[in-house]
Amino acid sequence: MADVGGRARAPKMATMAAGVALHLHLQGMKVKAIRVHKIGGPEVLTWEEVEIGEPSEGEIRIKNKAIGVNYVDIYYRTGLHQEPLPFVPGKEAVGVVSAVGPGVTGIEVGDVVGYADTPMGTYTEEQIIPATLAIPIPPSVDHITAASVLLKGMTTYVLVKQAFKWANALGATVIGTVSTQEKAIQAAEDGCHHVIIYTEEDFVAQVAEITSRKGVHVVYDAVGKDTFKGSMECLMPRGCMISYGQCSGRPDPVPVSDLASKSLILGRPGMRHYTATRDELLHAAGEVFAGVAAGVLRVRVNHVYPLHEAARAHADLEARRTSGSVVLLPAMPAADS
């Protein structure tokens, strides 16, 4: 029978391969989930009752407690990234193990675990994933904090090892660009030495002034179309441009000759290629939790929504009405969550 994501059941042997499919089988106990049946705006996120089966060999079932919302979820909903319809969106969640399949060792019912990036499909009350993708959550980290920092934190680890406060700790001068005054205040608090509101200022000119017209060694650009060309202009000769998002739209193609003019390097890394083995995955997650514990990473969960209001969360995120992390809760928030 087809699963909620509209995809075939994953092989019984759990693997770390990219693109492993989350599956909610249409048999067994009933749970609620957000599904996308057609590409479109936030209104296509529908709240439905589905059924979920038991975990197979190498798998575990998780009762989600907190679900991270990331801009990549919008890319899939709008069709910028492709996923067979219908599907359950979401790439980050933390929950409690409710069942363990045959052959799974080191994970027990009641353990608190999370996962990020793969598989797709976290916008649900319960889900089944390969046990090899489960990340143990330290007791000192609450569900909401963990769900807000796993994907973003590990992405940052992959991109720069330590960005903002991490980069600051490594001795880098950090110039942050943001879209609003509120975000500018937060960026400064989070370790940026200079903050530029790119929607109000010429950030290329500002960077030139800050660097005495030398440019910067590296740019990390998650905005995309609105800032991509300017970000390239900010680089010094032999500089490196890392693109890791496109919330303002897909950037225009870059002619190779544009890179040659200053011997620039342009990259578009994906986290899954740097966490392809379980050792790599756990190491990256460990770096994130160590950063949180040390206060190097400051977690801001400024927006929490019930899971069934995922459409409102998406609308607010797209309209730039949010700052910091956005989290969905399958159940009403408790005092200790």
C-alpha atoms as a PDB file:
ATOM      1  CA  MET A   1       0.000   0.000   0.000  1.00  0.00           C
ATOM      2  CA  ALA A   2       1.269   3.539  -0.736  1.00  0.00           C
ATOM      3  CA  ASP A   3       2.772   5.556   2.100  1.00  0.00           C
ATOM      4  CA  VAL A   4       1.913   9.114   3.101  1.00  0.00           C
ATOM      5  CA  GLY A   5       4.810  10.521   1.121  1.00  0.00           C
ATOM      6  CA  GLY A   6       3.534   8.751  -1.981  1.00  0.00           C
ATOM      7  CA  ARG A   7       6.756   6.760  -2.172  1.00  0.00           C
ATOM      8  CA  ALA A   8       7.697   3.109  -2.028  1.00  0.00           C
ATOM      9  CA  ARG A   9       8.705   1.564   1.272  1.00  0.00           C
ATOM     10  CA  ALA A  10      12.410   1.908   2.034  1.00  0.00           C
ATOM     11  CA  PRO A  11      14.555  -1.244   1.919  1.00  0.00           C
ATOM     12  CA  LYS A  12      14.560  -3.187   5.161  1.00  0.00           C
ATOM     13  CA  MET A  13      18.276  -2.628   5.735  1.00  0.00           C
ATOM     14  CA  ALA A  14      18.722   0.904   7.059  1.00  0.00           C
ATOM     15  CA  THR A  15      21.400   2.914   5.257  1.00  0.00           C
ATOM     16  CA  MET A  16      22.875   6.402   5.404  1.00  0.00           C
ATOM     17  CA  ALA A  17      22.374   6.991   1.675  1.00  0.00           C
ATOM     18  CA  ALA A  18      21.039  10.394   0.643  1.00  0.00           C
ATOM     19  CA  GLY A  19      17.367  10.509  -0.195  1.00  0.00           C
ATOM     20  CA  VAL A  20      16.230   7.750   2.180  1.00  0.00           C
ATOM     21  CA  ALA A  21      12.439   7.988   2.224  1.00  0.00           C
ATOM     22  CA  LEU A  22      10.463   8.481   5.398  1.00  0.00           C
ATOM     23  CA  HIS A  23       7.356   6.344   5.306  1.00  0.00           C
ATOM     24  CA  LEU A  24       4.023   6.527   7.072  1.00  0.00           C
ATOM     25  CA  HIS A  25       2.203   3.376   6.033  1.00  0.00           C
ATOM     26  CA  LEU A  26      -1.515   3.577   5.412  1.00  0.00           C
ATOM     27  CA  GLN A  27      -2.166   0.720   7.813  1.00  0.00           C
ATOM     28  CA  GLY A  28      -2.066   0.382  11.584  1.00  0.00           C
ATOM     29  CA  MET A  29      -2.632   3.142  14.130  1.00  0.00           C
ATOM     30  CA  LYS A  30      -3.856   6.598  13.140  1.00  0.00           C
ATOM     31  CA  VAL A  31      -1.823   9.803  13.456  1.00  0.00           C
ATOM     32  CA  LYS A  32      -2.185  13.341  12.104  1.00  0.00           C
ATOM     33  CA  ALA A  33       0.190  14.836   9.552  1.00  0.00           C
ATOM     34  CA  ILE A  34       0.618  17.768   7.192  1.00  0.00           C
ATOM     35  CA  ARG A  35       0.579  16.693   3.532  1.00  0.00           C
ATOM     36  CA  VAL A  36       1.157  18.470   0.227  1.00  0.00           C
ATOM     37  CA  HIS A  37      -1.026  17.208  -2.635  1.00  0.00           C
ATOM     38  CA  LYS A  38      -0.179  19.986  -5.091  1.00  0.00           C
ATOM     39  CA  ILE A  39       2.512  22.614  -5.487  1.00  0.00           C
ATOM     40  CA  GLY A  40       1.557  26.077  -4.279  1.00  0.00           C
ATOM     41  CA  GLY A  41       1.353  28.561  -1.425  1.00  0.00           C
ATOM     42  CA  PRO A  42       0.962  27.869   2.294  1.00  0.00           C
ATOM     43  CA  GLU A  43      -2.676  26.944   1.689  1.00  0.00           C
ATOM     44  CA  VAL A  44      -1.629  23.611   0.108  1.00  0.00           C
ATOM     45  CA  LEU A  45      -0.426  22.369   3.510  1.00  0.00           C
ATOM     46  CA  THR A  46      -3.328  20.159   4.593  1.00  0.00           C
ATOM     47  CA  TRP A  47      -3.893  18.637   8.044  1.00  0.00           C
ATOM     48  CA  GLU A  48      -4.946  15.006   7.602  1.00  0.00           C
ATOM     49  CA  GLU A  49      -5.401  11.784   9.505  1.00  0.00           C
ATOM     50  CA  VAL A  50      -3.194   8.941   8.278  1.00  0.00           C
ATOM     51  CA  GLU A  51      -2.128   5.547   9.565  1.00  0.00           C
ATOM     52  CA  ILE A  52       1.305   4.322  10.526  1.00  0.00           C
ATOM     53  CA  GLY A  53       2.589   0.776  10.833  1.00  0.00           C
ATOM     54  CA  GLU A  54       5.333  -0.882  12.827  1.00  0.00           C
ATOM     55  CA  PRO A  55       9.046  -0.322  12.151  1.00  0.00           C
ATOM     56  CA  SER A  56      10.742  -2.957  10.015  1.00  0.00           C
ATOM     57  CA  GLU A  57      14.269  -4.309  10.413  1.00  0.00           C
ATOM     58  CA  GLY A  58      16.751  -1.543  11.149  1.00  0.00           C
ATOM     59  CA  GLU A  59      14.017   1.042  11.743  1.00  0.00           C
ATOM     60  CA  ILE A  60      12.512   2.925  14.682  1.00  0.00           C
ATOM     61  CA  ARG A  61       9.239   4.782  15.213  1.00  0.00           C
ATOM     62  CA  ILE A  62       9.384   8.234  16.773  1.00  0.00           C
ATOM     63  CA  LYS A  63       6.641  10.242  18.472  1.00  0.00           C
ATOM     64  CA  ASN A  64       7.601  13.768  17.495  1.00  0.00           C
ATOM     65  CA  LYS A  65       7.753  16.389  20.240  1.00  0.00           C
ATOM     66  CA  ALA A  66       9.123  19.367  18.283  1.00  0.00           C
ATOM     67  CA  ILE A  67       9.605  19.963  14.556  1.00  0.00           C
ATOM     68  CA  GLY A  68      11.990  22.489  13.052  1.00  0.00           C
ATOM     69  CA  VAL A  69      10.783  24.665  10.174  1.00  0.00           C
ATOM     70  CA  ASN A  70      13.414  25.572   7.587  1.00  0.00           C
ATOM     71  CA  TYR A  71      13.290  27.527   4.352  1.00  0.00           C
ATOM     72  CA  VAL A  72      14.052  24.353   2.425  1.00  0.00           C
ATOM     73  CA  ASP A  73      10.547  23.189   3.415  1.00  0.00           C
ATOM     74  CA  ILE A  74       9.179  26.095   1.376  1.00  0.00           C
ATOM     75  CA  TYR A  75      11.387  25.157  -1.580  1.00  0.00           C
ATOM     76  CA  TYR A  76       9.706  21.739  -1.698  1.00  0.00           C
ATOM     77  CA  ARG A  77       6.199  23.113  -1.179  1.00  0.00           C
ATOM     78  CA  THR A  78       6.601  25.606  -4.036  1.00  0.00           C
ATOM     79  CA  GLY A  79       8.291  23.139  -6.377  1.00  0.00           C
ATOM     80  CA  LEU A  80      11.709  24.814  -6.410  1.00  0.00           C
ATOM     81  CA  HIS A  81      12.989  21.455  -5.150  1.00  0.00           C
ATOM     82  CA  GLN A  82      11.228  18.401  -6.543  1.00  0.00           C
ATOM     83  CA  GLU A  83       9.475  15.724  -4.491  1.00  0.00           C
ATOM     84  CA  PRO A  84       6.874  13.221  -5.776  1.00  0.00           C
ATOM     85  CA  LEU A  85       3.326  14.178  -4.762  1.00  0.00           C
ATOM     86  CA  PRO A  86       1.787  13.773  -2.294  1.00  0.00           C
ATOM     87  CA  PHE A  87       4.435  14.223   0.381  1.00  0.00           C
ATOM     88  CA  VAL A  88       4.895  15.180   4.011  1.00  0.00           C
ATOM     89  CA  PRO A  89       7.260  18.179   4.248  1.00  0.00           C
ATOM     90  CA  GLY A  90       9.915  18.807   6.856  1.00  0.00           C
ATOM     91  CA  LYS A  91      13.552  17.864   7.405  1.00  0.00           C
ATOM     92  CA  GLU A  92      14.118  18.282  11.141  1.00  0.00           C
ATOM     93  CA  ALA A  93      12.460  16.867  14.254  1.00  0.00           C
ATOM     94  CA  VAL A  94      13.038  15.633  17.786  1.00  0.00           C
ATOM     95  CA  GLY A  95      10.941  13.056  19.565  1.00  0.00           C
ATOM     96  CA  VAL A  96      10.720   9.984  21.764  1.00  0.00           C
ATOM     97  CA  VAL A  97      11.261   6.482  20.393  1.00  0.00           C
ATOM     98  CA  SER A  98       7.921   4.644  20.586  1.00  0.00           C
ATOM     99  CA  ALA A  99       8.885   1.375  18.857  1.00  0.00           C
ATOM    100  CA  VAL A 100      12.069  -0.384  17.748  1.00  0.00           C
ATOM    101  CA  GLY A 101      12.297  -2.739  14.787  1.00  0.00           C
ATOM    102  CA  PRO A 102      14.235  -6.011  14.603  1.00  0.00           C
ATOM    103  CA  GLY A 103      18.002  -5.746  14.409  1.00  0.00           C
ATOM    104  CA  VAL A 104      18.252  -2.316  16.015  1.00  0.00           C
ATOM    105  CA  THR A 105      20.858  -2.007  18.765  1.00  0.00           C
ATOM    106  CA  GLY A 106      21.812   0.950  20.936  1.00  0.00           C
ATOM    107  CA  ILE A 107      18.358   2.553  20.763  1.00  0.00           C
ATOM    108  CA  GLU A 108      15.475   1.752  23.107  1.00  0.00           C
ATOM    109  CA  VAL A 109      11.856   2.772  23.534  1.00  0.00           C
ATOM    110  CA  GLY A 110      11.790   6.017  25.509  1.00  0.00           C
ATOM    111  CA  ASP A 111      15.057   7.389  24.132  1.00  0.00           C
ATOM    112  CA  VAL A 112      14.978  11.006  22.954  1.00  0.00           C
ATOM    113  CA  VAL A 113      16.377  11.296  19.435  1.00  0.00           C
ATOM    114  CA  GLY A 114      16.356  13.723  16.555  1.00  0.00           C
ATOM    115  CA  TYR A 115      17.280  13.790  12.901  1.00  0.00           C
ATOM    116  CA  ALA A 116      17.991  16.372  10.257  1.00  0.00           C
ATOM    117  CA  ASP A 117      18.151  16.723   6.468  1.00  0.00           C
ATOM    118  CA  THR A 118      17.110  13.177   5.532  1.00  0.00           C
ATOM    119  CA  PRO A 119      14.627  11.613   5.355  1.00  0.00           C
ATOM    120  CA  MET A 120      11.961  14.087   4.258  1.00  0.00           C
ATOM    121  CA  GLY A 121       8.698  14.163   6.170  1.00  0.00           C
ATOM    122  CA  THR A 122       8.834  15.508   9.733  1.00  0.00           C
ATOM    123  CA  TYR A 123       5.491  17.373   9.762  1.00  0.00           C
ATOM    124  CA  THR A 124       3.700  14.503  11.470  1.00  0.00           C
ATOM    125  CA  GLU A 125       2.835  13.269  14.945  1.00  0.00           C
ATOM    126  CA  GLU A 126       4.726   9.992  14.478  1.00  0.00           C
ATOM    127  CA  GLN A 127       7.095   8.634  11.865  1.00  0.00           C
ATOM    128  CA  ILE A 128       9.367   5.737  11.018  1.00  0.00           C
ATOM    129  CA  ILE A 129      13.029   6.314  10.134  1.00  0.00           C
ATOM    130  CA  PRO A 130      16.166   4.200   9.682  1.00  0.00           C
ATOM    131  CA  ALA A 131      17.812   3.823  13.088  1.00  0.00           C
ATOM    132  CA  THR A 132      21.160   4.865  11.600  1.00  0.00           C
ATOM    133  CA  LEU A 133      19.787   8.389  11.102  1.00  0.00           C
ATOM    134  CA  ALA A 134      18.731   8.866  14.739  1.00  0.00           C
ATOM    135  CA  ILE A 135      20.793  11.368  16.732  1.00  0.00           C
ATOM    136  CA  PRO A 136      20.760  10.975  20.549  1.00  0.00           C
ATOM    137  CA  ILE A 137      19.720  14.245  22.199  1.00  0.00           C
ATOM    138  CA  PRO A 138      21.656  15.176  25.361  1.00  0.00           C
ATOM    139  CA  PRO A 139      19.494  15.394  28.511  1.00  0.00           C
ATOM    140  CA  SER A 140      20.595  19.011  28.956  1.00  0.00           C
ATOM    141  CA  VAL A 141      18.975  20.051  25.654  1.00  0.00           C
ATOM    142  CA  ASP A 142      15.178  20.409  25.589  1.00  0.00           C
ATOM    143  CA  HIS A 143      13.047  19.224  22.669  1.00  0.00           C
ATOM    144  CA  ILE A 144      12.352  22.670  21.216  1.00  0.00           C
ATOM    145  CA  THR A 145      15.957  23.808  21.374  1.00  0.00           C
ATOM    146  CA  ALA A 146      17.180  20.596  19.755  1.00  0.00           C
ATOM    147  CA  ALA A 147      14.604  20.785  16.958  1.00  0.00           C
ATOM    148  CA  SER A 148      15.563  24.377  16.248  1.00  0.00           C
ATOM    149  CA  VAL A 149      19.323  23.875  16.111  1.00  0.00           C
ATOM    150  CA  LEU A 150      20.062  20.454  14.585  1.00  0.00           C
ATOM    151  CA  LEU A 151      19.714  21.211  10.867  1.00  0.00           C
ATOM    152  CA  LYS A 152      20.848  24.831  11.048  1.00  0.00           C
ATOM    153  CA  GLY A 153      23.713  23.999  13.374  1.00  0.00           C
ATOM    154  CA  MET A 154      25.012  21.068  11.355  1.00  0.00           C
ATOM    155  CA  THR A 155      24.640  23.054   8.137  1.00  0.00           C
ATOM    156  CA  THR A 156      26.742  25.807   9.685  1.00  0.00           C
ATOM    157  CA  TYR A 157      29.278  23.244  10.852  1.00  0.00           C
ATOM    158  CA  VAL A 158      29.547  21.922   7.298  1.00  0.00           C
ATOM    159  CA  LEU A 159      29.804  25.380   5.737  1.00  0.00           C
ATOM    160  CA  VAL A 160      32.309  27.079   7.979  1.00  0.00           C
ATOM    161  CA  LYS A 161      32.771  24.783  10.974  1.00  0.00           C
ATOM    162  CA  GLN A 162      31.903  27.747  13.180  1.00  0.00           C
ATOM    163  CA  ALA A 163      29.942  30.722  11.845  1.00  0.00           C
ATOM    164  CA  PHE A 164      28.944  33.961  13.588  1.00  0.00           C
ATOM    165  CA  LYS A 165      29.974  33.258  17.181  1.00  0.00           C
ATOM    166  CA  TRP A 166      31.862  30.189  16.042  1.00  0.00           C
ATOM    167  CA  ALA A 167      33.700  32.193  13.374  1.00  0.00           C
ATOM    168  CA  ASN A 168      34.236  34.944  15.939  1.00  0.00           C
ATOM    169  CA  ALA A 169      35.796  32.398  18.278  1.00  0.00           C
ATOM    170  CA  LEU A 170      38.165  31.371  15.481  1.00  0.00           C
ATOM    171  CA  GLY A 171      39.380  34.953  15.110  1.00  0.00           C
ATOM    172  CA  ALA A 172      37.459  35.953  11.983  1.00  0.00           C
ATOM    173  CA  THR A 173      35.945  39.390  11.493  1.00  0.00           C
ATOM    174  CA  VAL A 174      32.271  38.690  10.821  1.00  0.00           C
ATOM    175  CA  ILE A 175      30.141  41.011   8.671  1.00  0.00           C
ATOM    176  CA  GLY A 176      26.468  40.070   8.794  1.00  0.00           C
ATOM    177  CA  THR A 177      23.792  41.176   6.334  1.00  0.00           C
ATOM    178  CA  VAL A 178      20.134  41.131   7.401  1.00  0.00           C
ATOM    179  CA  SER A 179      16.808  42.378   6.090  1.00  0.00           C
ATOM    180  CA  THR A 180      15.379  44.175   9.152  1.00  0.00           C
ATOM    181  CA  GLN A 181      16.475  46.252  12.143  1.00  0.00           C
ATOM    182  CA  GLU A 182      15.237  43.554  14.537  1.00  0.00           C
ATOM    183  CA  LYS A 183      17.464  40.983  12.865  1.00  0.00           C
ATOM    184  CA  ALA A 184      20.366  43.447  12.919  1.00  0.00           C
ATOM    185  CA  ILE A 185      20.155  43.636  16.710  1.00  0.00           C
ATOM    186  CA  GLN A 186      20.128  39.855  16.989  1.00  0.00           C
ATOM    187  CA  ALA A 187      23.049  39.473  14.554  1.00  0.00           C
ATOM    188  CA  ALA A 188      25.143  41.856  16.647  1.00  0.00           C
ATOM    189  CA  GLU A 189      24.253  39.964  19.821  1.00  0.00           C
ATOM    190  CA  ASP A 190      25.187  36.704  18.090  1.00  0.00           C
ATOM    191  CA  GLY A 191      28.729  37.803  17.346  1.00  0.00           C
ATOM    192  CA  CYS A 192      28.758  39.860  14.145  1.00  0.00           C
ATOM    193  CA  HIS A 193      31.343  42.645  14.334  1.00  0.00           C
ATOM    194  CA  HIS A 194      29.522  44.642  11.643  1.00  0.00           C
ATOM    195  CA  VAL A 195      25.865  44.386  10.611  1.00  0.00           C
ATOM    196  CA  ILE A 196      24.418  45.749   7.360  1.00  0.00           C
ATOM    197  CA  ILE A 197      20.693  45.965   6.576  1.00  0.00           C
ATOM    198  CA  TYR A 198      20.921  45.065   2.898  1.00  0.00           C
ATOM    199  CA  THR A 199      17.341  46.139   2.178  1.00  0.00           C
ATOM    200  CA  GLU A 200      18.197  49.699   3.228  1.00  0.00           C
ATOM    201  CA  GLU A 201      21.921  50.068   2.478  1.00  0.00           C
ATOM    202  CA  ASP A 202      24.327  49.322  -0.365  1.00  0.00           C
ATOM    203  CA  PHE A 203      25.996  46.366   1.291  1.00  0.00           C
ATOM    204  CA  VAL A 204      28.702  46.122  -1.384  1.00  0.00           C
ATOM    205  CA  ALA A 205      29.787  49.703  -0.656  1.00  0.00           C
ATOM    206  CA  GLN A 206      29.581  49.097   3.091  1.00  0.00           C
ATOM    207  CA  VAL A 207      31.762  45.991   2.870  1.00  0.00           C
ATOM    208  CA  ALA A 208      34.288  47.900   0.750  1.00  0.00           C
ATOM    209  CA  GLU A 209      34.461  50.595   3.424  1.00  0.00           C
ATOM    210  CA  ILE A 210      34.792  48.111   6.288  1.00  0.00           C
ATOM    211  CA  THR A 211      37.599  46.226   4.520  1.00  0.00           C
ATOM    212  CA  SER A 212      39.391  49.333   3.187  1.00  0.00           C
ATOM    213  CA  ARG A 213      38.348  48.205  -0.303  1.00  0.00           C
ATOM    214  CA  LYS A 214      40.244  44.921   0.027  1.00  0.00           C
ATOM    215  CA  GLY A 215      37.136  42.727   0.090  1.00  0.00           C
ATOM    216  CA  VAL A 216      36.470  39.636   2.174  1.00  0.00           C
ATOM    217  CA  HIS A 217      38.005  36.170   2.082  1.00  0.00           C
ATOM    218  CA  VAL A 218      34.699  34.290   2.057  1.00  0.00           C
ATOM    219  CA  VAL A 219      30.976  34.995   1.689  1.00  0.00           C
ATOM    220  CA  TYR A 220      28.179  32.689   2.873  1.00  0.00           C
ATOM    221  CA  ASP A 221      24.985  33.606   1.010  1.00  0.00           C
ATOM    222  CA  ALA A 222      21.596  32.114   1.917  1.00  0.00           C
ATOM    223  CA  VAL A 223      19.468  34.861   0.338  1.00  0.00           C
ATOM    224  CA  GLY A 224      20.040  34.044  -3.317  1.00  0.00           C
ATOM    225  CA  LYS A 225      18.840  36.251  -6.154  1.00  0.00           C
ATOM    226  CA  ASP A 226      18.659  39.567  -4.258  1.00  0.00           C
ATOM    227  CA  THR A 227      22.227  39.434  -2.937  1.00  0.00           C
ATOM    228  CA  PHE A 228      24.111  36.913  -5.063  1.00  0.00           C
ATOM    229  CA  LYS A 229      25.771  39.293  -7.526  1.00  0.00           C
ATOM    230  CA  GLY A 230      26.665  41.757  -4.769  1.00  0.00           C
ATOM    231  CA  SER A 231      28.078  38.980  -2.621  1.00  0.00           C
ATOM    232  CA  MET A 232      30.437  38.019  -5.451  1.00  0.00           C
ATOM    233  CA  GLU A 233      31.534  41.649  -5.742  1.00  0.00           C
ATOM    234  CA  CYS A 234      32.447  41.706  -2.037  1.00  0.00           C
ATOM    235  CA  LEU A 235      35.128  39.045  -2.462  1.00  0.00           C
ATOM    236  CA  MET A 236      38.829  39.810  -2.593  1.00  0.00           C
ATOM    237  CA  PRO A 237      41.004  38.101  -5.232  1.00  0.00           C
ATOM    238  CA  ARG A 238      41.177  34.334  -4.563  1.00  0.00           C
ATOM    239  CA  GLY A 239      38.079  34.651  -2.376  1.00  0.00           C
ATOM    240  CA  CYS A 240      35.448  31.958  -1.907  1.00  0.00           C
ATOM    241  CA  MET A 241      31.678  32.282  -2.304  1.00  0.00           C
ATOM    242  CA  ILE A 242      29.488  29.650  -0.635  1.00  0.00           C
ATOM    243  CA  SER A 243      25.818  29.621  -1.643  1.00  0.00           C
ATOM    244  CA  TYR A 244      23.553  27.639   0.679  1.00  0.00           C
ATOM    245  CA  GLY A 245      20.065  29.045   0.114  1.00  0.00           C
ATOM    246  CA  GLN A 246      17.845  31.069  -2.173  1.00  0.00           C
ATOM    247  CA  CYS A 247      14.966  32.465  -0.140  1.00  0.00           C
ATOM    248  CA  SER A 248      14.681  35.479  -2.487  1.00  0.00           C
ATOM    249  CA  GLY A 249      14.731  33.304  -5.600  1.00  0.00           C
ATOM    250  CA  ARG A 250      17.120  31.324  -7.751  1.00  0.00           C
ATOM    251  CA  PRO A 251      20.248  33.343  -8.647  1.00  0.00           C
ATOM    252  CA  ASP A 252      21.052  34.045 -12.278  1.00  0.00           C
ATOM    253  CA  PRO A 253      23.696  31.780 -13.856  1.00  0.00           C
ATOM    254  CA  VAL A 254      27.288  32.882 -13.248  1.00  0.00           C
ATOM    255  CA  PRO A 255      29.638  32.842 -16.282  1.00  0.00           C
ATOM    256  CA  VAL A 256      32.924  31.120 -15.520  1.00  0.00           C
ATOM    257  CA  SER A 257      34.706  34.246 -16.757  1.00  0.00           C
ATOM    258  CA  ASP A 258      33.226  36.157 -13.808  1.00  0.00           C
ATOM    259  CA  LEU A 259      35.122  33.830 -11.480  1.00  0.00           C
ATOM    260  CA  ALA A 260      38.330  34.100 -13.478  1.00  0.00           C
ATOM    261  CA  SER A 261      38.436  37.885 -13.148  1.00  0.00           C
ATOM    262  CA  LYS A 262      39.517  37.527  -9.496  1.00  0.00           C
ATOM    263  CA  SER A 263      40.370  33.793  -9.364  1.00  0.00           C
ATOM    264  CA  LEU A 264      37.240  33.166  -7.284  1.00  0.00           C
ATOM    265  CA  ILE A 265      35.860  29.874  -6.036  1.00  0.00           C
ATOM    266  CA  LEU A 266      32.079  29.273  -6.032  1.00  0.00           C
ATOM    267  CA  GLY A 267      30.599  26.353  -4.104  1.00  0.00           C
ATOM    268  CA  ARG A 268      27.157  24.925  -3.247  1.00  0.00           C
ATOM    269  CA  PRO A 269      27.733  22.223  -0.593  1.00  0.00           C
ATOM    270  CA  GLY A 270      25.010  19.950   0.756  1.00  0.00           C
ATOM    271  CA  MET A 271      25.042  18.704   4.328  1.00  0.00           C
ATOM    272  CA  ARG A 272      24.154  15.128   3.424  1.00  0.00           C
ATOM    273  CA  HIS A 273      27.453  14.650   1.596  1.00  0.00           C
ATOM    274  CA  TYR A 274      29.357  15.616   4.750  1.00  0.00           C
ATOM    275  CA  THR A 275      27.282  13.438   7.092  1.00  0.00           C
ATOM    276  CA  ALA A 276      27.104  10.375   4.848  1.00  0.00           C
ATOM    277  CA  THR A 277      28.320   7.962   7.528  1.00  0.00           C
ATOM    278  CA  ARG A 278      26.973   7.578  11.036  1.00  0.00           C
ATOM    279  CA  ASP A 279      30.308   8.644  12.511  1.00  0.00           C
ATOM    280  CA  GLU A 280      30.239  11.856  10.450  1.00  0.00           C
ATOM    281  CA  LEU A 281      26.611  12.507  11.422  1.00  0.00           C
ATOM    282  CA  LEU A 282      27.197  12.053  15.144  1.00  0.00           C
ATOM    283  CA  HIS A 283      30.392  14.105  15.036  1.00  0.00           C
ATOM    284  CA  ALA A 284      28.602  17.046  13.398  1.00  0.00           C
ATOM    285  CA  ALA A 285      25.710  16.822  15.877  1.00  0.00           C
ATOM    286  CA  GLY A 286      28.179  16.584  18.748  1.00  0.00           C
ATOM    287  CA  GLU A 287      29.890  19.776  17.594  1.00  0.00           C
ATOM    288  CA  VAL A 288      26.514  21.541  17.567  1.00  0.00           C
ATOM    289  CA  PHE A 289      25.516  20.412  21.057  1.00  0.00           C
ATOM    290  CA  ALA A 290      28.977  21.280  22.381  1.00  0.00           C
ATOM    291  CA  GLY A 291      28.573  24.763  20.919  1.00  0.00           C
ATOM    292  CA  VAL A 292      25.189  25.146  22.607  1.00  0.00           C
ATOM    293  CA  ALA A 293      26.544  23.928  25.954  1.00  0.00           C
ATOM    294  CA  ALA A 294      29.521  26.285  25.772  1.00  0.00           C
ATOM    295  CA  GLY A 295      27.343  29.261  24.881  1.00  0.00           C
ATOM    296  CA  VAL A 296      29.120  29.661  21.551  1.00  0.00           C
ATOM    297  CA  LEU A 297      25.847  28.955  19.749  1.00  0.00           C
ATOM    298  CA  ARG A 298      22.955  31.064  20.979  1.00  0.00           C
ATOM    299  CA  VAL A 299      19.625  29.453  20.129  1.00  0.00           C
ATOM    300  CA  ARG A 300      16.719  31.811  19.471  1.00  0.00           C
ATOM    301  CA  VAL A 301      13.328  30.135  19.216  1.00  0.00           C
ATOM    302  CA  ASN A 302      11.176  33.195  18.631  1.00  0.00           C
ATOM    303  CA  HIS A 303       8.190  31.549  16.956  1.00  0.00           C
ATOM    304  CA  VAL A 304       6.335  28.397  18.031  1.00  0.00           C
ATOM    305  CA  TYR A 305       3.175  27.146  16.271  1.00  0.00           C
ATOM    306  CA  PRO A 306       0.930  24.097  16.670  1.00  0.00           C
ATOM    307  CA  LEU A 307       1.701  21.544  13.956  1.00  0.00           C
ATOM    308  CA  HIS A 308      -1.759  21.936  12.439  1.00  0.00           C
ATOM    309  CA  GLU A 309      -0.954  25.636  11.833  1.00  0.00           C
ATOM    310  CA  ALA A 310       2.048  24.859   9.628  1.00  0.00           C
ATOM    311  CA  ALA A 311       0.489  26.966   6.859  1.00  0.00           C
ATOM    312  CA  ARG A 312       0.581  30.048   9.105  1.00  0.00           C
ATOM    313  CA  ALA A 313       4.201  29.331  10.012  1.00  0.00           C
ATOM    314  CA  HIS A 314       5.120  29.110   6.321  1.00  0.00           C
ATOM    315  CA  ALA A 315       3.250  32.320   5.510  1.00  0.00           C
ATOM    316  CA  ASP A 316       5.032  34.203   8.290  1.00  0.00           C
ATOM    317  CA  LEU A 317       8.431  32.818   7.287  1.00  0.00           C
ATOM    318  CA  GLU A 318       7.962  33.735   3.621  1.00  0.00           C
ATOM    319  CA  ALA A 319       6.748  37.226   4.515  1.00  0.00           C
ATOM    320  CA  ARG A 320       9.851  37.731   6.698  1.00  0.00           C
ATOM    321  CA  ARG A 321       7.709  38.209   9.779  1.00  0.00           C
ATOM    322  CA  THR A 322       9.934  35.794  11.700  1.00  0.00           C
ATOM    323  CA  SER A 323      13.395  36.001  13.212  1.00  0.00           C
ATOM    324  CA  GLY A 324      15.418  33.251  14.798  1.00  0.00           C
ATOM    325  CA  SER A 325      14.085  29.702  14.671  1.00  0.00           C
ATOM    326  CA  VAL A 326      10.541  28.555  13.899  1.00  0.00           C
ATOM    327  CA  VAL A 327       9.263  25.382  15.555  1.00  0.00           C
ATOM    328  CA  LEU A 328       6.055  23.337  15.209  1.00  0.00           C
ATOM    329  CA  LEU A 329       4.623  21.384  18.153  1.00  0.00           C
ATOM    330  CA  PRO A 330       2.411  18.325  17.519  1.00  0.00           C
ATOM    331  CA  ALA A 331       0.870  18.811  20.983  1.00  0.00           C
ATOM    332  CA  MET A 332       0.044  21.934  22.968  1.00  0.00           C
ATOM    333  CA  PRO A 333       3.215  23.316  24.614  1.00  0.00           C
ATOM    334  CA  ALA A 334       3.788  22.211  28.186  1.00  0.00           C
ATOM    335  CA  ALA A 335       5.407  24.328  30.882  1.00  0.00           C
ATOM    336  CA  ASP A 336       8.608  22.255  30.750  1.00  0.00           C
ATOM    337  CA  SER A 337       8.868  21.908  26.942  1.00  0.00           C
END
